[in-house]
Amino acid sequence: MKILVETAEAIERFEELIELVERGDDIVVFRDGTPIAEMKPVPKGTELWDELWATMDAERANVPVGTTSDHDDLYDEHGLPR
């Protein structure tokens, strides 16, 4: 069953909405009459971590060669900002 709820009500009844999702219902959250989010059950047997790692691997392919998250150039030898 699809349940429609405004954001204020969703905040107040979040635990109840989670229980409804666990039961199999879909929840659509609206703000000022516009749908902004959807909560639905995760299909049985879905390995969320496998999906997460696959998504990260796919995104990593878009990072240019030689790119690093090392920001040593922003800090001195004591770890303080330059």
C-alpha atoms as a PDB file:
ATOM      1  CA  MET A   1       0.000   0.000   0.000  1.00  0.00           C
ATOM      2  CA  LYS A   2       1.271   3.518  -0.760  1.00  0.00           C
ATOM      3  CA  ILE A   3       1.026   5.997   2.118  1.00  0.00           C
ATOM      4  CA  LEU A   4       1.311   9.753   1.551  1.00  0.00           C
ATOM      5  CA  VAL A   5       2.532  11.944   4.406  1.00  0.00           C
ATOM      6  CA  GLU A   6       3.626  15.575   4.872  1.00  0.00           C
ATOM      7  CA  THR A   7       7.103  16.231   6.330  1.00  0.00           C
ATOM      8  CA  ALA A   8       5.864  17.498   9.715  1.00  0.00           C
ATOM      9  CA  GLU A   9       3.768  14.375  10.218  1.00  0.00           C
ATOM     10  CA  ALA A  10       6.619  12.150   9.003  1.00  0.00           C
ATOM     11  CA  ILE A  11       8.914  13.653  11.622  1.00  0.00           C
ATOM     12  CA  GLU A  12       6.386  13.071  14.411  1.00  0.00           C
ATOM     13  CA  ARG A  13       5.523   9.520  13.297  1.00  0.00           C
ATOM     14  CA  PHE A  14       8.891   8.305  11.977  1.00  0.00           C
ATOM     15  CA  GLU A  15       9.020   5.106  14.072  1.00  0.00           C
ATOM     16  CA  GLU A  16       5.500   4.184  12.971  1.00  0.00           C
ATOM     17  CA  LEU A  17       6.393   4.837   9.326  1.00  0.00           C
ATOM     18  CA  ILE A  18       9.440   2.574   9.634  1.00  0.00           C
ATOM     19  CA  GLU A  19       7.182  -0.182  10.949  1.00  0.00           C
ATOM     20  CA  LEU A  20       4.861   0.308   7.973  1.00  0.00           C
ATOM     21  CA  VAL A  21       7.811   0.047   5.584  1.00  0.00           C
ATOM     22  CA  GLU A  22       8.923  -3.156   7.322  1.00  0.00           C
ATOM     23  CA  ARG A  23       5.404  -4.462   6.740  1.00  0.00           C
ATOM     24  CA  GLY A  24       5.817  -3.801   3.020  1.00  0.00           C
ATOM     25  CA  ASP A  25       4.172  -0.409   2.538  1.00  0.00           C
ATOM     26  CA  ASP A  26       5.692   2.422   0.472  1.00  0.00           C
ATOM     27  CA  ILE A  27       5.795   5.870   2.065  1.00  0.00           C
ATOM     28  CA  VAL A  28       5.916   9.072  -0.015  1.00  0.00           C
ATOM     29  CA  VAL A  29       6.891  12.207   1.898  1.00  0.00           C
ATOM     30  CA  PHE A  30       5.568  15.545   0.648  1.00  0.00           C
ATOM     31  CA  ARG A  31       6.553  19.145   1.372  1.00  0.00           C
ATOM     32  CA  ASP A  32       3.927  21.730   0.455  1.00  0.00           C
ATOM     33  CA  GLY A  33       2.181  19.217  -1.785  1.00  0.00           C
ATOM     34  CA  THR A  34       5.336  18.238  -3.690  1.00  0.00           C
ATOM     35  CA  PRO A  35       6.807  14.732  -3.257  1.00  0.00           C
ATOM     36  CA  ILE A  36      10.382  14.966  -1.964  1.00  0.00           C
ATOM     37  CA  ALA A  37      11.258  11.495  -0.658  1.00  0.00           C
ATOM     38  CA  GLU A  38      10.176   7.901  -0.797  1.00  0.00           C
ATOM     39  CA  MET A  39      10.686   5.105   1.704  1.00  0.00           C
ATOM     40  CA  LYS A  40      10.244   1.546   0.544  1.00  0.00           C
ATOM     41  CA  PRO A  41      11.296  -1.890   1.777  1.00  0.00           C
ATOM     42  CA  VAL A  42      14.659  -3.228   0.717  1.00  0.00           C
ATOM     43  CA  PRO A  43      14.122  -6.375  -1.365  1.00  0.00           C
ATOM     44  CA  LYS A  44      14.908  -9.590   0.481  1.00  0.00           C
ATOM     45  CA  GLY A  45      18.342 -11.005  -0.249  1.00  0.00           C
ATOM     46  CA  THR A  46      19.771  -7.631  -1.256  1.00  0.00           C
ATOM     47  CA  GLU A  47      23.343  -7.234  -0.131  1.00  0.00           C
ATOM     48  CA  LEU A  48      23.456  -3.507   0.502  1.00  0.00           C
ATOM     49  CA  TRP A  49      27.208  -3.486   1.156  1.00  0.00           C
ATOM     50  CA  ASP A  50      27.865  -5.149  -2.206  1.00  0.00           C
ATOM     51  CA  GLU A  51      25.740  -2.495  -3.907  1.00  0.00           C
ATOM     52  CA  LEU A  52      27.525   0.267  -2.006  1.00  0.00           C
ATOM     53  CA  TRP A  53      30.991  -1.004  -2.986  1.00  0.00           C
ATOM     54  CA  ALA A  54      29.909  -1.424  -6.617  1.00  0.00           C
ATOM     55  CA  THR A  55      28.622   2.156  -6.674  1.00  0.00           C
ATOM     56  CA  MET A  56      31.860   3.472  -5.162  1.00  0.00           C
ATOM     57  CA  ASP A  57      33.936   1.485  -7.666  1.00  0.00           C
ATOM     58  CA  ALA A  58      31.900   2.889 -10.550  1.00  0.00           C
ATOM     59  CA  GLU A  59      32.346   6.455  -9.263  1.00  0.00           C
ATOM     60  CA  ARG A  60      36.054   5.881  -8.653  1.00  0.00           C
ATOM     61  CA  ALA A  61      36.468   5.203 -12.384  1.00  0.00           C
ATOM     62  CA  ASN A  62      35.559   8.884 -12.990  1.00  0.00           C
ATOM     63  CA  VAL A  63      38.404  10.223 -10.806  1.00  0.00           C
ATOM     64  CA  PRO A  64      41.358  11.472 -12.870  1.00  0.00           C
ATOM     65  CA  VAL A  65      44.635   9.538 -12.580  1.00  0.00           C
ATOM     66  CA  GLY A  66      46.963  11.033  -9.984  1.00  0.00           C
ATOM     67  CA  THR A  67      44.171  12.599  -7.932  1.00  0.00           C
ATOM     68  CA  THR A  68      44.687  12.238  -4.223  1.00  0.00           C
ATOM     69  CA  SER A  69      42.871  13.154  -1.051  1.00  0.00           C
ATOM     70  CA  ASP A  70      46.209  13.892   0.628  1.00  0.00           C
ATOM     71  CA  HIS A  71      46.176  17.510   1.849  1.00  0.00           C
ATOM     72  CA  ASP A  72      49.655  17.653   3.365  1.00  0.00           C
ATOM     73  CA  ASP A  73      50.317  20.875   1.454  1.00  0.00           C
ATOM     74  CA  LEU A  74      47.743  22.636   3.661  1.00  0.00           C
ATOM     75  CA  TYR A  75      49.479  21.746   6.965  1.00  0.00           C
ATOM     76  CA  ASP A  76      52.955  22.244   8.446  1.00  0.00           C
ATOM     77  CA  GLU A  77      55.130  19.518   9.969  1.00  0.00           C
ATOM     78  CA  HIS A  78      53.209  19.845  13.269  1.00  0.00           C
ATOM     79  CA  GLY A  79      49.819  19.291  11.624  1.00  0.00           C
ATOM     80  CA  LEU A  80      48.786  22.922  11.970  1.00  0.00           C
ATOM     81  CA  PRO A  81      47.228  24.899   9.110  1.00  0.00           C
ATOM     82  CA  ARG A  82      49.734  26.924   7.063  1.00  0.00           C
END
